[in-house]
Structure formats: structure tokens, C-alpha cells
Amino acid sequence: MSNLSQFMPPGYVEWQAVQTSSFTAGSAKAYPINTSGNAVTATLPASPSSGDTVVFLDYARSFA
């Protein structure tokens, strides 16, 4: 690998902004989700690859 600035170790995720409405998740992303005001639907990637990672975090501890 010649460009180490693009290196992502296995399981690496990039944290995104807090989600408060429905969204489409991307691989190698982590999403804090706030459902205290309403339900949030996360659509998973349409063409996942083996080993892809998506992380969801209960931002306000209000997941039902």
C-alpha cells in the first residue's frame, strides 16, 4: 500500500452525525441514532460485501 492516509484497519468505522430521521447506512460507518422524538428507519446497504461493518449507537438510550 503506497498511500497510508487511506489505510483502514479491519473493523474500522467512521462516526457520522447524530441521526434523527430515516437514512441509508453505508459500510464502514457508525451512526449515533436519537429516537427520543420519533422512530428512525435505517436502510442497510443494497450490495454489501462480506466483512462490511455498520454500527448503530442508542444516542439517548431510548431504543425500544
N, C-alpha and C. Protein backbone atom coordinates (compact mmCIF):
# COMPACT_ATOMS: atom_id res chain seq x y z
N MET A 1 0.86 -1.17 0.00
CA MET A 1 0.00 0.00 0.00
C MET A 1 0.91 1.23 0.00
N SER A 2 0.74 2.08 -0.98
CA SER A 2 1.62 3.24 -1.10
C SER A 2 1.07 4.49 -0.41
N ASN A 3 -0.22 4.54 -0.15
CA ASN A 3 -0.80 5.73 0.45
C ASN A 3 -1.43 5.36 1.80
N LEU A 4 -0.69 5.51 2.88
CA LEU A 4 -1.18 5.11 4.19
C LEU A 4 -2.30 6.00 4.71
N SER A 5 -2.50 7.18 4.11
CA SER A 5 -3.58 8.05 4.56
C SER A 5 -4.95 7.44 4.26
N GLN A 6 -5.01 6.47 3.36
CA GLN A 6 -6.27 5.82 3.01
C GLN A 6 -6.41 4.45 3.68
N PHE A 7 -5.47 4.07 4.53
CA PHE A 7 -5.50 2.78 5.19
C PHE A 7 -6.61 2.72 6.23
N MET A 8 -7.41 1.67 6.19
CA MET A 8 -8.46 1.45 7.18
C MET A 8 -8.29 0.03 7.71
N PRO A 9 -7.95 -0.13 8.98
CA PRO A 9 -7.79 -1.47 9.54
C PRO A 9 -9.13 -2.21 9.56
N PRO A 10 -9.11 -3.54 9.59
CA PRO A 10 -10.37 -4.30 9.63
C PRO A 10 -11.24 -3.86 10.80
N GLY A 11 -12.53 -3.68 10.54
CA GLY A 11 -13.47 -3.27 11.58
C GLY A 11 -13.51 -1.77 11.83
N TYR A 12 -12.68 -1.01 11.12
CA TYR A 12 -12.66 0.45 11.28
C TYR A 12 -14.00 1.03 10.85
N VAL A 13 -14.53 1.98 11.60
CA VAL A 13 -15.75 2.69 11.22
C VAL A 13 -15.52 4.19 11.37
N GLU A 14 -16.18 4.95 10.54
CA GLU A 14 -16.12 6.42 10.60
C GLU A 14 -17.42 6.92 11.21
N TRP A 15 -17.33 7.61 12.36
CA TRP A 15 -18.52 8.10 13.05
C TRP A 15 -19.18 9.23 12.29
N GLN A 16 -20.50 9.18 12.21
CA GLN A 16 -21.30 10.16 11.50
C GLN A 16 -22.04 11.05 12.50
N ALA A 17 -22.74 12.06 11.99
CA ALA A 17 -23.55 12.94 12.84
C ALA A 17 -24.74 12.16 13.41
N VAL A 18 -25.32 12.67 14.50
CA VAL A 18 -26.48 12.04 15.12
C VAL A 18 -27.64 12.02 14.11
N GLN A 19 -28.25 10.85 13.96
CA GLN A 19 -29.37 10.68 13.04
C GLN A 19 -30.68 10.80 13.81
N THR A 20 -31.60 11.65 13.32
CA THR A 20 -32.90 11.82 13.97
C THR A 20 -34.06 11.52 13.02
N SER A 21 -33.73 11.16 11.79
CA SER A 21 -34.75 10.79 10.80
C SER A 21 -34.20 9.63 9.97
N SER A 22 -35.05 9.05 9.17
CA SER A 22 -34.67 7.88 8.37
C SER A 22 -33.49 8.19 7.46
N PHE A 23 -32.64 7.18 7.25
CA PHE A 23 -31.43 7.37 6.43
C PHE A 23 -30.98 6.04 5.86
N THR A 24 -30.08 6.11 4.88
CA THR A 24 -29.46 4.93 4.30
C THR A 24 -28.05 4.81 4.86
N ALA A 25 -27.77 3.69 5.50
CA ALA A 25 -26.46 3.47 6.11
C ALA A 25 -25.44 3.06 5.04
N GLY A 26 -24.20 3.38 5.29
CA GLY A 26 -23.11 2.98 4.41
C GLY A 26 -22.15 2.06 5.16
N SER A 27 -21.41 1.27 4.42
CA SER A 27 -20.46 0.37 5.08
C SER A 27 -19.30 1.16 5.67
N ALA A 28 -18.71 0.62 6.72
CA ALA A 28 -17.61 1.24 7.45
C ALA A 28 -18.02 2.57 8.09
N LYS A 29 -19.30 2.67 8.46
CA LYS A 29 -19.82 3.88 9.10
C LYS A 29 -20.48 3.51 10.43
N ALA A 30 -20.46 4.44 11.37
CA ALA A 30 -21.10 4.27 12.67
C ALA A 30 -22.07 5.43 12.87
N TYR A 31 -23.26 5.12 13.36
CA TYR A 31 -24.32 6.12 13.46
C TYR A 31 -24.88 6.19 14.88
N PRO A 32 -24.72 7.33 15.56
CA PRO A 32 -25.49 7.54 16.78
C PRO A 32 -26.91 7.90 16.34
N ILE A 33 -27.91 7.23 16.90
CA ILE A 33 -29.30 7.43 16.48
C ILE A 33 -30.12 7.88 17.69
N ASN A 34 -30.83 9.00 17.51
CA ASN A 34 -31.67 9.55 18.57
C ASN A 34 -33.13 9.31 18.22
N THR A 35 -33.77 8.36 18.92
CA THR A 35 -35.17 8.05 18.67
C THR A 35 -36.09 8.61 19.73
N SER A 36 -35.60 9.55 20.55
CA SER A 36 -36.44 10.09 21.63
C SER A 36 -37.60 10.93 21.08
N GLY A 37 -37.48 11.48 19.88
CA GLY A 37 -38.54 12.30 19.31
C GLY A 37 -39.43 11.56 18.34
N ASN A 38 -38.91 10.55 17.66
CA ASN A 38 -39.68 9.80 16.67
C ASN A 38 -38.89 8.54 16.27
N ALA A 39 -39.57 7.67 15.53
CA ALA A 39 -38.92 6.45 15.04
C ALA A 39 -37.94 6.81 13.92
N VAL A 40 -36.86 6.06 13.83
CA VAL A 40 -35.86 6.25 12.78
C VAL A 40 -35.67 4.92 12.07
N THR A 41 -35.76 4.93 10.75
CA THR A 41 -35.55 3.73 9.94
C THR A 41 -34.19 3.84 9.27
N ALA A 42 -33.36 2.80 9.45
CA ALA A 42 -32.05 2.75 8.80
C ALA A 42 -32.12 1.69 7.71
N THR A 43 -31.89 2.10 6.47
CA THR A 43 -31.84 1.17 5.35
C THR A 43 -30.40 0.72 5.18
N LEU A 44 -30.19 -0.59 5.20
CA LEU A 44 -28.84 -1.14 5.07
C LEU A 44 -28.38 -1.10 3.61
N PRO A 45 -27.06 -1.15 3.38
CA PRO A 45 -26.54 -1.09 2.02
C PRO A 45 -27.17 -2.17 1.12
N ALA A 46 -27.49 -1.81 -0.11
CA ALA A 46 -28.14 -2.72 -1.05
C ALA A 46 -27.21 -3.83 -1.54
N SER A 47 -25.93 -3.55 -1.65
CA SER A 47 -24.98 -4.54 -2.16
C SER A 47 -23.82 -4.70 -1.18
N PRO A 48 -24.07 -5.32 -0.03
CA PRO A 48 -22.99 -5.47 0.96
C PRO A 48 -21.95 -6.48 0.51
N SER A 49 -20.77 -6.34 1.06
CA SER A 49 -19.68 -7.29 0.83
C SER A 49 -19.39 -8.00 2.15
N SER A 50 -18.88 -9.19 2.05
CA SER A 50 -18.51 -9.93 3.24
C SER A 50 -17.50 -9.12 4.05
N GLY A 51 -17.76 -8.98 5.34
CA GLY A 51 -16.86 -8.23 6.21
C GLY A 51 -17.22 -6.77 6.38
N ASP A 52 -18.22 -6.26 5.64
CA ASP A 52 -18.67 -4.88 5.82
C ASP A 52 -19.17 -4.69 7.25
N THR A 53 -18.97 -3.50 7.79
CA THR A 53 -19.39 -3.19 9.15
C THR A 53 -20.25 -1.93 9.17
N VAL A 54 -21.37 -2.00 9.90
CA VAL A 54 -22.22 -0.84 10.17
C VAL A 54 -22.52 -0.88 11.66
N VAL A 55 -22.36 0.26 12.35
CA VAL A 55 -22.58 0.32 13.79
C VAL A 55 -23.71 1.30 14.09
N PHE A 56 -24.63 0.89 14.99
CA PHE A 56 -25.69 1.77 15.46
C PHE A 56 -25.53 1.95 16.96
N LEU A 57 -25.63 3.20 17.43
CA LEU A 57 -25.50 3.52 18.84
C LEU A 57 -26.77 4.22 19.31
N ASP A 58 -27.33 3.77 20.43
CA ASP A 58 -28.52 4.37 21.01
C ASP A 58 -28.12 5.68 21.69
N TYR A 59 -28.20 6.79 20.97
CA TYR A 59 -27.68 8.08 21.42
C TYR A 59 -28.32 8.57 22.71
N ALA A 60 -29.66 8.47 22.83
CA ALA A 60 -30.35 8.98 24.01
C ALA A 60 -30.85 7.86 24.93
N ARG A 61 -30.35 6.65 24.69
CA ARG A 61 -30.79 5.47 25.46
C ARG A 61 -32.31 5.34 25.43
N SER A 62 -32.88 5.49 24.24
CA SER A 62 -34.34 5.42 24.11
C SER A 62 -34.79 4.38 23.09
N PHE A 63 -33.88 3.49 22.64
CA PHE A 63 -34.30 2.42 21.73
C PHE A 63 -35.37 1.57 22.42
N ALA A 64 -36.39 1.20 21.68
CA ALA A 64 -37.44 0.34 22.26
C ALA A 64 -37.17 -1.11 21.90
